[in-house]
Amino acid sequence: MDSLFPTYKFSGSSEREFINYYLRYLKDRRPDFLSEDVEASEKWVKYMGDFAEASPGEEIFIRASKNQHLI
């Protein structure tokens, strides 16, 4: 079953401040995920849960698809 939470294409920024906050948070916690050797168009961030330091609850995965847009 698909998550009910939205999935965002990583482009480095977003019109929604919360998404920018989350991307900065993710980059601090998982710098290898946002490394320069992988194209930004292949980076996707799916978030769910809270931002507790012990268990932020983020789901991270890479999709090769390039025809999706920021939801």
N, C-alpha and C. Protein backbone atom coordinates (compact mmCIF):
# COMPACT_ATOMS: atom_id res chain seq x y z
N MET A 1 0.84 -1.19 0.00
CA MET A 1 0.00 0.00 0.00
C MET A 1 0.88 1.24 0.00
N ASP A 2 0.56 2.18 -0.85
CA ASP A 2 1.34 3.41 -0.94
C ASP A 2 1.12 4.28 0.30
N SER A 3 2.14 5.03 0.62
CA SER A 3 2.05 5.94 1.75
C SER A 3 1.06 7.05 1.43
N LEU A 4 0.39 7.53 2.47
CA LEU A 4 -0.53 8.65 2.30
C LEU A 4 0.21 9.98 2.34
N PHE A 5 1.50 9.94 2.66
CA PHE A 5 2.29 11.16 2.72
C PHE A 5 2.82 11.49 1.33
N PRO A 6 2.94 12.78 1.01
CA PRO A 6 3.40 13.16 -0.33
C PRO A 6 4.87 12.83 -0.57
N THR A 7 5.21 12.66 -1.81
CA THR A 7 6.58 12.41 -2.22
C THR A 7 7.05 13.60 -3.05
N TYR A 8 8.23 14.11 -2.75
CA TYR A 8 8.74 15.30 -3.41
C TYR A 8 9.99 14.99 -4.20
N LYS A 9 10.05 15.52 -5.41
CA LYS A 9 11.27 15.41 -6.19
C LYS A 9 12.28 16.39 -5.62
N PHE A 10 13.50 15.92 -5.36
CA PHE A 10 14.52 16.80 -4.80
C PHE A 10 15.08 17.69 -5.89
N SER A 11 14.94 19.00 -5.71
CA SER A 11 15.51 19.95 -6.66
C SER A 11 16.42 20.94 -5.95
N GLY A 12 16.60 20.77 -4.65
CA GLY A 12 17.45 21.67 -3.89
C GLY A 12 16.68 22.77 -3.18
N SER A 13 15.46 23.03 -3.62
CA SER A 13 14.65 24.05 -2.96
C SER A 13 13.18 23.79 -3.25
N SER A 14 12.34 24.48 -2.53
CA SER A 14 10.91 24.31 -2.70
C SER A 14 10.21 25.60 -2.32
N GLU A 15 9.01 25.80 -2.84
CA GLU A 15 8.24 26.97 -2.47
C GLU A 15 7.72 26.84 -1.04
N ARG A 16 7.64 25.62 -0.55
CA ARG A 16 7.14 25.39 0.80
C ARG A 16 8.30 25.37 1.78
N GLU A 17 8.27 26.26 2.76
CA GLU A 17 9.39 26.38 3.69
C GLU A 17 9.63 25.09 4.46
N PHE A 18 8.58 24.35 4.78
CA PHE A 18 8.77 23.10 5.51
C PHE A 18 9.63 22.12 4.73
N ILE A 19 9.44 22.06 3.41
CA ILE A 19 10.22 21.14 2.59
C ILE A 19 11.69 21.56 2.59
N ASN A 20 11.94 22.86 2.48
CA ASN A 20 13.33 23.35 2.57
C ASN A 20 13.94 22.96 3.91
N TYR A 21 13.16 23.11 4.98
CA TYR A 21 13.65 22.73 6.31
C TYR A 21 13.99 21.24 6.34
N TYR A 22 13.10 20.43 5.79
CA TYR A 22 13.33 18.99 5.81
C TYR A 22 14.55 18.60 4.99
N LEU A 23 14.73 19.21 3.83
CA LEU A 23 15.89 18.89 2.99
C LEU A 23 17.19 19.28 3.68
N ARG A 24 17.20 20.41 4.39
CA ARG A 24 18.39 20.79 5.16
C ARG A 24 18.64 19.79 6.28
N TYR A 25 17.57 19.39 6.95
CA TYR A 25 17.67 18.41 8.03
C TYR A 25 18.23 17.09 7.51
N LEU A 26 17.70 16.65 6.37
CA LEU A 26 18.14 15.40 5.77
C LEU A 26 19.60 15.48 5.34
N LYS A 27 19.98 16.60 4.74
CA LYS A 27 21.37 16.76 4.29
C LYS A 27 22.34 16.72 5.46
N ASP A 28 21.94 17.29 6.61
CA ASP A 28 22.78 17.24 7.80
C ASP A 28 22.91 15.82 8.34
N ARG A 29 21.83 15.06 8.31
CA ARG A 29 21.84 13.71 8.87
C ARG A 29 22.40 12.66 7.92
N ARG A 30 22.15 12.82 6.62
CA ARG A 30 22.57 11.84 5.62
C ARG A 30 23.29 12.52 4.46
N PRO A 31 24.48 13.07 4.70
CA PRO A 31 25.18 13.82 3.64
C PRO A 31 25.48 12.97 2.41
N ASP A 32 25.64 11.67 2.57
CA ASP A 32 25.92 10.80 1.43
C ASP A 32 24.73 10.69 0.49
N PHE A 33 23.51 10.87 1.00
CA PHE A 33 22.32 10.77 0.16
C PHE A 33 22.26 11.90 -0.85
N LEU A 34 22.74 13.06 -0.47
CA LEU A 34 22.71 14.22 -1.35
C LEU A 34 24.08 14.51 -1.95
N SER A 35 24.87 13.47 -2.14
CA SER A 35 26.22 13.65 -2.68
C SER A 35 26.17 14.12 -4.13
N GLU A 36 27.26 14.73 -4.56
CA GLU A 36 27.31 15.35 -5.88
C GLU A 36 27.37 14.33 -7.03
N ASP A 37 27.70 13.09 -6.73
CA ASP A 37 27.89 12.12 -7.81
C ASP A 37 26.60 11.55 -8.37
N VAL A 38 25.48 11.88 -7.80
CA VAL A 38 24.19 11.40 -8.31
C VAL A 38 23.37 12.62 -8.70
N GLU A 39 22.75 12.55 -9.88
CA GLU A 39 21.98 13.68 -10.38
C GLU A 39 20.81 13.99 -9.46
N ALA A 40 20.54 15.28 -9.29
CA ALA A 40 19.43 15.69 -8.44
C ALA A 40 18.10 15.15 -8.95
N SER A 41 17.96 14.97 -10.26
CA SER A 41 16.70 14.47 -10.80
C SER A 41 16.43 13.03 -10.40
N GLU A 42 17.45 12.33 -9.90
CA GLU A 42 17.25 10.95 -9.45
C GLU A 42 17.03 10.88 -7.95
N LYS A 43 17.09 12.00 -7.29
CA LYS A 43 16.92 12.04 -5.84
C LYS A 43 15.47 12.31 -5.47
N TRP A 44 14.93 11.48 -4.62
CA TRP A 44 13.57 11.69 -4.14
C TRP A 44 13.57 11.57 -2.63
N VAL A 45 12.72 12.34 -2.01
CA VAL A 45 12.61 12.29 -0.56
C VAL A 45 11.15 12.01 -0.20
N LYS A 46 10.94 10.95 0.54
CA LYS A 46 9.61 10.67 1.07
C LYS A 46 9.72 10.82 2.58
N TYR A 47 8.88 11.66 3.14
CA TYR A 47 8.99 11.87 4.57
C TYR A 47 7.72 11.42 5.29
N MET A 48 7.88 10.91 6.48
CA MET A 48 6.76 10.54 7.31
C MET A 48 7.24 10.48 8.75
N GLY A 49 6.35 10.60 9.69
CA GLY A 49 6.75 10.57 11.08
C GLY A 49 7.18 11.93 11.57
N ASP A 50 7.87 11.95 12.68
CA ASP A 50 8.29 13.22 13.27
C ASP A 50 9.78 13.42 13.08
N PHE A 51 10.29 14.48 13.69
CA PHE A 51 11.69 14.82 13.53
C PHE A 51 12.47 14.64 14.82
N ALA A 52 12.02 13.71 15.66
CA ALA A 52 12.74 13.43 16.89
C ALA A 52 14.15 12.98 16.54
N GLU A 53 15.13 13.46 17.26
CA GLU A 53 16.53 13.15 16.95
C GLU A 53 16.80 11.66 17.00
N ALA A 54 16.17 10.96 17.93
CA ALA A 54 16.42 9.52 18.08
C ALA A 54 15.88 8.72 16.91
N SER A 55 14.71 9.09 16.41
CA SER A 55 14.11 8.36 15.29
C SER A 55 13.33 9.34 14.42
N PRO A 56 14.00 9.96 13.46
CA PRO A 56 13.34 10.97 12.64
C PRO A 56 12.20 10.43 11.79
N GLY A 57 12.21 9.12 11.51
CA GLY A 57 11.11 8.52 10.79
C GLY A 57 11.10 8.80 9.29
N GLU A 58 12.24 9.22 8.73
CA GLU A 58 12.26 9.48 7.30
C GLU A 58 12.46 8.20 6.50
N GLU A 59 11.91 8.17 5.34
CA GLU A 59 12.09 7.09 4.38
C GLU A 59 12.88 7.68 3.23
N ILE A 60 13.95 7.04 2.84
CA ILE A 60 14.79 7.58 1.77
C ILE A 60 14.94 6.55 0.67
N PHE A 61 14.76 6.95 -0.54
CA PHE A 61 14.97 6.03 -1.64
C PHE A 61 15.33 6.81 -2.90
N ILE A 62 15.85 6.11 -3.88
CA ILE A 62 16.24 6.73 -5.14
C ILE A 62 15.36 6.16 -6.25
N ARG A 63 14.85 7.02 -7.09
CA ARG A 63 14.08 6.60 -8.25
C ARG A 63 14.79 7.09 -9.51
N ALA A 64 14.82 6.28 -10.51
CA ALA A 64 15.47 6.67 -11.75
C ALA A 64 14.57 7.51 -12.64
N SER A 65 13.27 7.46 -12.40
CA SER A 65 12.32 8.18 -13.24
C SER A 65 12.60 9.68 -13.26
N LYS A 66 12.55 10.28 -14.43
CA LYS A 66 12.82 11.71 -14.56
C LYS A 66 11.59 12.50 -14.99
N ASN A 67 10.44 11.85 -15.12
CA ASN A 67 9.27 12.55 -15.63
C ASN A 67 8.25 12.88 -14.54
N GLN A 68 8.67 12.83 -13.29
CA GLN A 68 7.79 13.20 -12.19
C GLN A 68 8.03 14.67 -11.84
N HIS A 69 7.06 15.27 -11.17
CA HIS A 69 7.18 16.67 -10.80
C HIS A 69 6.90 16.84 -9.32
N LEU A 70 7.32 17.97 -8.79
CA LEU A 70 7.05 18.28 -7.39
C LEU A 70 5.55 18.27 -7.16
N ILE A 71 5.12 17.50 -6.19
CA ILE A 71 3.68 17.40 -5.92
C ILE A 71 3.26 18.56 -5.05
